[in-house]
Protein backbone atom coordinates (compact mmCIF):
# COMPACT_ATOMS: atom_id res chain seq x y z
CA MET A 1 0.00 0.00 0.00
CA ILE A 2 1.29 3.44 -1.00
CA ALA A 3 -0.41 6.44 0.60
CA ILE A 4 -0.02 9.90 -0.92
CA ASP A 5 -1.38 12.88 1.00
CA GLY A 6 -1.24 16.62 0.50
CA PRO A 7 -3.28 19.73 -0.31
CA ALA A 8 -5.07 20.40 -3.58
CA GLY A 9 -2.67 21.31 -6.38
CA ALA A 10 0.40 19.73 -4.77
CA GLY A 11 0.63 17.11 -7.52
CA LYS A 12 -0.97 14.07 -5.86
CA THR A 13 -3.00 12.87 -8.83
CA THR A 14 -0.20 13.08 -11.38
CA LEU A 15 2.21 11.29 -9.07
CA ALA A 16 -0.26 8.63 -7.93
CA ARG A 17 -1.27 7.71 -11.47
CA ARG A 18 2.33 7.42 -12.57
CA LEU A 19 3.40 5.36 -9.57
CA ALA A 20 0.44 3.02 -10.02
CA ALA A 21 1.40 2.42 -13.64
CA GLU A 22 5.06 1.91 -12.74
CA LEU A 23 4.32 -0.53 -9.92
CA GLY A 24 1.40 -2.38 -11.49
CA LEU A 25 -1.07 -1.36 -8.78
CA PRO A 26 -4.60 0.06 -8.86
CA TYR A 27 -4.95 3.83 -8.48
CA LEU A 28 -7.54 5.26 -6.09
CA ASN A 29 -8.42 8.95 -5.91
CA THR A 30 -10.32 9.35 -2.65
CA GLY A 31 -11.02 13.02 -3.29
CA ALA A 32 -13.12 12.01 -6.28
CA MET A 33 -15.32 9.99 -3.94
CA TYR A 34 -16.09 13.03 -1.79
CA ARG A 35 -16.65 15.13 -4.88
CA ALA A 36 -19.05 12.55 -6.28
CA VAL A 37 -21.08 12.62 -3.08
CA ALA A 38 -21.12 16.44 -3.18
CA LEU A 39 -22.29 16.39 -6.81
CA GLU A 40 -25.05 13.89 -6.08
CA ALA A 41 -26.13 15.97 -3.09
CA LEU A 42 -26.47 19.02 -5.35
CA ARG A 43 -28.47 17.01 -7.86
CA GLN A 44 -30.82 15.60 -5.24
CA GLY A 45 -31.16 18.74 -3.16
CA VAL A 46 -29.44 17.32 -0.07
CA HIS A 47 -28.10 20.13 2.10
CA PRO A 48 -24.30 20.09 2.54
CA ASP A 49 -24.75 20.54 6.29
CA ASP A 50 -27.03 17.50 6.71
CA GLY A 51 -24.47 14.86 7.66
CA ALA A 52 -26.96 12.03 8.18
CA ALA A 53 -28.61 12.52 4.78
CA LEU A 54 -25.22 12.82 3.07
CA ALA A 55 -24.01 9.60 4.70
CA ASP A 56 -27.15 7.81 3.55
CA LEU A 57 -26.55 9.15 0.05
CA ALA A 58 -22.96 7.88 0.11
CA ARG A 59 -24.12 4.40 1.23
CA ARG A 60 -26.35 4.15 -1.82
CA MET A 61 -23.53 4.94 -4.25
CA ARG A 62 -21.49 2.11 -5.75
CA PHE A 63 -17.70 2.48 -5.71
CA THR A 64 -15.62 -0.03 -7.68
CA LEU A 65 -12.29 -0.35 -9.49
CA SER A 66 -12.29 -0.79 -13.25
CA GLU A 67 -11.27 -4.15 -14.69
CA ASP A 68 -10.87 -3.06 -18.31
CA GLN A 69 -7.77 -0.83 -18.02
CA PRO A 70 -4.04 -1.49 -17.57
CA VAL A 71 -4.24 0.53 -14.34
CA PRO A 72 -7.52 -0.12 -12.48
CA GLU A 73 -9.16 3.15 -11.43
CA LEU A 74 -12.23 4.34 -9.59
CA ARG A 75 -15.70 3.86 -11.00
CA ILE A 76 -18.73 5.46 -9.40
CA ASP A 77 -22.04 3.77 -10.11
CA GLY A 78 -20.27 2.02 -12.98
CA ARG A 79 -18.99 5.20 -14.64
CA ILE A 80 -15.67 7.02 -14.86
CA PRO A 81 -15.89 10.26 -12.82
CA GLY A 82 -16.15 13.12 -15.32
CA PRO A 83 -15.30 16.83 -15.25
CA GLU A 84 -18.59 17.56 -13.53
CA ILE A 85 -17.07 16.55 -10.18
CA THR A 86 -14.57 19.42 -10.48
CA SER A 87 -17.16 22.08 -11.34
CA PRO A 88 -17.22 25.37 -9.37
CA GLU A 89 -20.50 24.27 -7.79
CA VAL A 90 -18.91 21.10 -6.40
CA GLU A 91 -15.74 22.99 -5.40
CA ALA A 92 -17.89 25.33 -3.33
CA VAL A 93 -19.46 22.60 -1.17
CA VAL A 94 -17.12 19.59 -1.14
CA SER A 95 -15.31 20.68 2.03
CA ARG A 96 -18.64 21.09 3.84
CA VAL A 97 -19.69 17.62 2.70
CA ALA A 98 -16.38 16.03 3.71
CA ARG A 99 -16.37 17.53 7.21
CA HIS A 100 -19.11 15.23 8.52
CA PRO A 101 -17.75 12.28 10.54
CA GLU A 102 -20.57 10.02 9.35
CA VAL A 103 -19.75 10.73 5.70
CA ARG A 104 -16.07 10.11 6.28
CA GLU A 105 -16.88 6.85 8.07
CA VAL A 106 -18.86 5.56 5.09
CA LEU A 107 -16.24 6.54 2.52
CA ARG A 108 -13.35 5.38 4.68
CA ALA A 109 -14.85 1.89 4.78
CA GLU A 110 -15.22 1.94 0.99
CA GLN A 111 -11.64 3.13 0.54
CA ARG A 112 -10.30 0.35 2.73
CA ARG A 113 -12.32 -2.20 0.82
CA LEU A 114 -11.08 -0.95 -2.54
CA GLY A 115 -7.46 -0.81 -1.40
CA GLU A 116 -7.31 -4.03 0.58
CA GLY A 117 -5.38 -5.87 -2.14
CA GLY A 118 -2.79 -3.11 -2.49
CA ALA A 119 -3.04 0.20 -4.32
CA VAL A 120 -1.64 3.69 -4.74
CA VAL A 121 -4.13 5.83 -2.82
CA GLU A 122 -4.21 9.62 -2.73
CA GLY A 123 -6.11 11.98 -0.46
CA ARG A 124 -5.89 14.10 2.69
CA ASP A 125 -5.67 11.54 5.51
CA ILE A 126 -4.68 8.31 3.80
CA GLY A 127 -1.45 7.64 5.68
CA SER A 128 -2.72 8.95 9.03
CA VAL A 129 -6.27 7.55 9.16
CA VAL A 130 -7.40 5.39 6.24
CA PHE A 131 -4.29 3.22 5.88
CA PRO A 132 -2.11 3.93 8.94
CA ASP A 133 -0.18 0.72 8.26
CA ALA A 134 0.68 1.63 4.66
CA SER A 135 4.16 0.46 3.67
CA VAL A 136 4.96 3.80 2.01
CA LYS A 137 3.62 7.20 3.03
CA ILE A 138 4.39 10.32 1.02
CA PHE A 139 3.22 13.82 1.86
CA LEU A 140 3.38 16.34 -1.00
CA LEU A 141 3.77 20.06 -0.37
CA ALA A 142 3.85 23.12 -2.61
CA GLU A 143 3.62 26.88 -2.23
CA PRO A 144 -0.01 28.14 -2.40
CA ARG A 145 0.66 30.30 -5.46
CA GLU A 146 2.12 27.39 -7.39
CA ARG A 147 -0.72 25.07 -6.36
CA ALA A 148 -3.26 27.59 -7.60
CA ALA A 149 -1.38 28.04 -10.90
CA ARG A 150 -1.36 24.27 -11.45
CA ARG A 151 -5.09 24.04 -10.93
CA VAL A 152 -5.66 26.86 -13.42
CA ARG A 153 -3.54 25.03 -16.02
CA GLU A 154 -5.16 21.65 -15.31
CA ARG A 155 -8.68 22.94 -15.73
CA ALA A 156 -8.08 25.60 -18.37
CA SER A 157 -9.75 28.05 -16.02
CA ASP A 158 -9.08 31.61 -14.89
CA GLU A 159 -7.75 33.28 -11.78
CA GLU A 160 -11.07 32.83 -9.99
CA LEU A 161 -9.94 29.24 -9.46
CA ALA A 162 -6.94 30.50 -7.51
CA ARG A 163 -9.23 32.42 -5.20
CA ALA A 164 -11.51 29.37 -4.86
CA LEU A 165 -8.52 27.23 -3.93
CA HIS A 166 -7.51 29.74 -1.26
CA ARG A 167 -11.03 29.70 0.19
CA ARG A 168 -11.08 25.92 0.19
CA ASP A 169 -7.69 25.77 1.93
CA ALA A 170 -9.05 28.04 4.66
CA LEU A 171 -12.21 25.95 5.09
CA ASP A 172 -10.33 22.66 5.04
CA ALA A 173 -7.98 23.96 7.71
CA ARG A 174 -10.99 24.47 9.99
CA VAL A 175 -13.11 21.39 9.25
CA ASN A 176 -10.53 18.77 8.23
CA PRO A 177 -7.02 19.96 9.12
CA PHE A 178 -3.99 18.13 7.78
CA VAL A 179 -2.32 15.79 10.23
CA PRO A 180 0.55 14.18 8.30
CA ALA A 181 1.49 10.70 9.44
CA PRO A 182 4.64 10.86 11.60
CA ASP A 183 6.39 8.34 9.33
CA ALA A 184 5.45 10.06 6.06
CA VAL A 185 8.21 11.33 3.77
CA ALA A 186 7.60 14.95 2.78
CA ILE A 187 8.36 16.09 -0.77
CA ASP A 188 8.10 19.80 -1.59
CA THR A 189 7.08 19.94 -5.26
CA THR A 190 7.48 23.71 -5.60
CA GLY A 191 9.53 24.38 -8.72
CA LEU A 192 9.80 20.69 -9.62
CA GLY A 193 8.61 19.06 -12.83
CA GLU A 194 6.44 15.96 -12.91
CA ARG A 195 9.40 13.71 -13.72
CA GLU A 196 11.47 15.08 -10.83
CA VAL A 197 8.64 14.49 -8.36
CA PHE A 198 8.10 10.98 -9.71
CA GLU A 199 11.78 10.07 -9.45
CA ARG A 200 12.01 11.32 -5.87
CA ALA A 201 8.88 9.41 -4.90
CA LEU A 202 10.11 6.25 -6.61
CA GLU A 203 13.32 6.48 -4.57
CA VAL A 204 11.20 6.57 -1.42
CA VAL A 205 9.23 3.53 -2.56
CA ARG A 206 12.40 1.57 -3.30
CA GLU A 207 13.93 2.52 0.04
CA ARG A 208 10.84 1.45 1.96
CA LEU A 209 9.97 -1.69 0.00
CA GLY A 210 13.43 -2.89 -0.96
CA GLY A 211 14.70 -4.32 -4.22
CA GLY A 212 11.41 -5.90 -5.22
CA TRP A 213 10.42 -2.68 -6.99
CA ALA A 214 13.79 -1.91 -8.58
């Protein structure tokens, strides 16, 4: 099990996908699960502050890993998560949805089930809460300005996204603060290219897991 944590825009998704392909493991984006619940709540008119209703909604959603790709990835109700889960509407409420303990309990159980056979899993509390016994724990960091710029490039958006990211950082710090696992290896991705981040992370994997991944 490889756990990758860090704030939005630090490079978790790019790194996790690449490591999964390199190591022949499934890739699990836990943030997409919270976003999917937030999107479904918007569609069904469930209030983002109603934890019990949100948890019930999450229980009725089906989370699986694909079996038709070289790297198995998340499917939600049988479908690949699309760009709708990264819409401004979802961005505005996902932190409020994720703050509820009952929602996190439901999704945490699903994440453990999906990752029980080994996976590269990315999120906010993977190494500290979801998989505290993960063999490899990596915590990505980056300066706020660079994280915002990456999100703008990724989503072909404008500077409003940078402001939205700042607001989400502030909300996340209150409702779901980062608590990096004490045995996680921190990698500051500020100023680094994707290949540099990947190579540093792969070194960590090889150090922790030994020659089997050489």
